[in-house]
Protein backbone atom coordinates (compact mmCIF):
# COMPACT_ATOMS: atom_id res chain seq x y z
CA UNK A 1 95.72 114.19 5.17
CA UNK A 2 95.09 110.74 6.62
CA UNK A 3 96.68 109.37 9.75
CA UNK A 4 98.63 106.91 7.58
CA UNK A 5 99.91 109.86 5.52
CA UNK A 6 100.96 111.62 8.72
CA UNK A 7 102.90 108.57 9.95
CA UNK A 8 104.60 108.20 6.57
CA UNK A 9 105.49 111.91 6.54
CA UNK A 10 106.96 111.61 10.03
CA UNK A 11 109.04 108.59 9.03
CA UNK A 12 110.21 110.51 5.97
CA UNK A 13 111.42 113.30 8.28
CA UNK A 14 113.07 110.97 10.81
CA UNK A 15 114.76 108.60 8.35
CA UNK A 16 117.41 111.03 7.03
CA UNK A 17 118.25 112.02 10.60
CA UNK A 18 118.71 108.39 11.56
CA UNK A 19 120.69 107.66 8.40
CA UNK A 20 123.13 110.50 9.23
CA UNK A 21 123.71 109.09 12.72
CA UNK A 22 124.18 105.53 11.45
CA UNK A 23 126.67 106.71 8.83
CA UNK A 24 128.96 108.00 11.60
CA UNK A 25 129.09 104.76 13.63
CA UNK A 26 132.78 103.82 13.78
CA UNK A 27 133.89 100.43 12.52
CA UNK A 28 135.82 98.03 14.73
CA UNK A 29 134.18 99.14 17.98
CA UNK A 30 131.35 96.57 18.04
CA UNK A 31 131.77 95.51 21.67
CA UNK A 32 132.41 99.01 23.05
CA UNK A 33 129.99 100.31 25.65
CA UNK A 34 130.16 103.37 27.89
CA UNK A 35 129.19 101.49 31.04
CA UNK A 36 128.92 97.87 32.15
CA UNK A 37 125.12 98.21 32.24
CA UNK A 38 124.98 99.70 28.72
CA UNK A 39 124.44 97.69 25.56
CA UNK A 40 127.38 97.29 23.18
CA UNK A 41 127.69 99.69 20.27
CA UNK A 42 126.87 97.00 17.70
CA UNK A 43 123.65 96.09 19.49
CA UNK A 44 122.50 99.71 19.88
CA UNK A 45 123.45 100.74 16.34
CA UNK A 46 121.88 97.56 14.96
CA UNK A 47 118.67 98.21 16.85
CA UNK A 48 118.46 101.81 15.60
CA UNK A 49 119.07 100.60 12.03
CA UNK A 50 116.51 97.78 12.37
CA UNK A 51 113.72 99.62 14.17
CA UNK A 52 111.87 100.47 10.93
CA UNK A 53 111.03 96.74 10.81
CA UNK A 54 108.93 97.29 13.93
CA UNK A 55 106.44 99.34 11.90
CA UNK A 56 105.84 96.42 9.56
CA UNK A 57 105.43 94.09 12.55
CA UNK A 58 102.88 96.41 14.14
CA UNK A 59 100.90 96.84 10.93
CA UNK A 60 101.14 93.34 9.43
CA UNK A 61 100.98 91.13 12.54
CA UNK A 62 98.56 91.08 15.46
CA UNK A 63 101.17 90.34 18.10
CA UNK A 64 104.81 89.68 18.85
CA UNK A 65 106.15 87.43 21.57
CA UNK A 66 109.59 88.69 22.57
CA UNK A 67 110.29 85.63 24.73
CA UNK A 68 108.39 82.68 23.24
CA UNK A 69 108.15 79.64 25.52
CA UNK A 70 109.47 77.43 22.73
CA UNK A 71 112.51 79.65 22.48
CA UNK A 72 113.47 81.54 19.43
CA UNK A 73 116.26 83.13 17.56
CA UNK A 74 118.29 85.64 19.42
CA UNK A 75 118.49 89.10 17.89
CA UNK A 76 121.56 89.36 15.72
CA UNK A 77 122.40 92.94 14.82
CA UNK A 78 123.31 93.73 11.23
CA UNK A 79 126.97 94.05 10.32
CA UNK A 80 128.31 97.45 11.26
CA UNK A 81 129.19 98.25 7.64
CA UNK A 82 125.59 97.50 6.60
CA UNK A 83 123.71 99.74 9.05
CA UNK A 84 122.55 102.36 6.54
CA UNK A 85 121.61 99.77 3.90
CA UNK A 86 119.63 97.71 6.42
CA UNK A 87 117.88 100.86 7.68
CA UNK A 88 116.89 101.90 4.16
CA UNK A 89 115.68 98.41 3.21
CA UNK A 90 113.52 98.05 6.33
CA UNK A 91 112.19 101.57 5.97
CA UNK A 92 110.98 100.76 2.44
CA UNK A 93 109.10 97.76 3.87
CA UNK A 94 107.60 99.95 6.60
CA UNK A 95 106.25 102.38 3.99
CA UNK A 96 104.83 99.47 2.00
CA UNK A 97 103.10 98.03 5.08
CA UNK A 98 101.60 101.37 6.06
CA UNK A 99 100.37 102.10 2.53
CA UNK A 100 98.45 98.79 2.48
CA UNK A 101 96.26 99.88 5.39
CA UNK A 102 93.74 102.60 6.09
CA UNK A 103 93.06 104.82 9.07
CA UNK A 104 90.15 102.72 10.26
CA UNK A 105 92.44 99.70 10.63
CA UNK A 106 95.18 101.70 12.39
CA UNK A 107 92.70 103.42 14.73
CA UNK A 108 90.44 100.50 15.65
CA UNK A 109 92.56 97.36 15.74
CA UNK A 110 94.78 96.43 18.65
CA UNK A 111 98.28 95.04 18.72
CA UNK A 112 99.77 92.89 21.48
CA UNK A 113 103.26 92.58 22.86
CA UNK A 114 103.73 89.23 24.58
CA UNK A 115 106.48 87.88 26.80
CA UNK A 116 106.44 84.13 27.30
CA UNK A 117 102.89 83.99 26.01
CA UNK A 118 101.65 86.55 28.54
CA UNK A 119 100.30 89.92 27.39
CA UNK A 120 102.76 92.63 28.35
CA UNK A 121 100.97 95.40 26.46
CA UNK A 122 97.91 95.73 24.26
CA UNK A 123 97.06 99.00 22.59
CA UNK A 124 95.50 100.36 19.40
CA UNK A 125 98.00 100.21 16.56
CA UNK A 126 98.14 103.99 16.19
CA UNK A 127 99.36 104.27 19.80
CA UNK A 128 101.97 101.55 19.29
CA UNK A 129 103.20 103.25 16.09
CA UNK A 130 103.50 106.60 17.89
CA UNK A 131 105.33 104.99 20.83
CA UNK A 132 107.67 103.25 18.38
CA UNK A 133 108.56 106.52 16.66
CA UNK A 134 109.38 107.99 20.08
CA UNK A 135 111.33 104.87 21.08
CA UNK A 136 113.34 105.09 17.85
CA UNK A 137 114.23 108.74 18.54
CA UNK A 138 115.24 107.81 22.09
CA UNK A 139 117.68 105.11 20.97
CA UNK A 140 119.01 107.30 18.17
CA UNK A 141 119.76 109.89 20.87
CA UNK A 142 121.58 107.26 22.91
CA UNK A 143 123.61 106.42 19.84
CA UNK A 144 124.68 110.06 19.42
CA UNK A 145 126.03 109.97 22.98
CA UNK A 146 128.02 106.84 22.09
CA UNK A 147 129.38 108.69 19.05
CA UNK A 148 130.48 111.64 21.17
CA UNK A 149 132.16 109.37 23.74
CA UNK A 150 133.99 107.57 20.92
CA UNK A 151 135.12 110.93 19.51
CA UNK A 152 133.18 110.26 16.30
CA UNK A 153 131.32 112.98 14.43
CA UNK A 154 127.88 113.74 15.86
CA UNK A 155 125.68 114.81 12.96
CA UNK A 156 122.90 117.35 13.02
CA UNK A 157 119.65 115.68 14.08
CA UNK A 158 117.11 118.36 15.03
CA UNK A 159 119.58 121.19 14.78
CA UNK A 160 123.28 121.86 14.71
CA UNK A 161 125.81 119.86 16.68
CA UNK A 162 129.38 120.84 17.51
CA UNK A 163 130.44 118.73 14.51
CA UNK A 164 127.68 119.53 12.01
CA UNK A 165 126.20 123.02 11.76
CA UNK A 166 123.25 122.08 9.51
CA UNK A 167 119.74 123.00 10.67
CA UNK A 168 118.10 119.76 9.56
């Protein structure tokens, strides 16, 4: 099994878990946040839904400047009723991007994260992909806490929850 195959298999395991969480995000609570320092529900849920696009960025581009000096478009989260559809669409693109590459490319080429033109991080793509999978799981976990605090159903992710007894 190649490294690319392993990443795809991991995304295939994580995607249904993420989809279940996104499906439970309540409508009409876009601006809700559990604390003044927390991000609003719409921003967090939108980020979790959109994070599969990061895999395509990492594989298809050599760098990303999150704060370009010339300015740029602000992140606009997807509509709350489109979270699952956006997730699925971006996941399909992630699979496509990964399947176009080979292990040599993923293991030997670097990817840069810039902020205002300055290098904030530069690592081999396989490290950035792994970190992104972990980052995605982290924010999905945050989102399940938001669900609990909003008294919404918390689905099974890695095992049963109080609301969903599935072991998936």
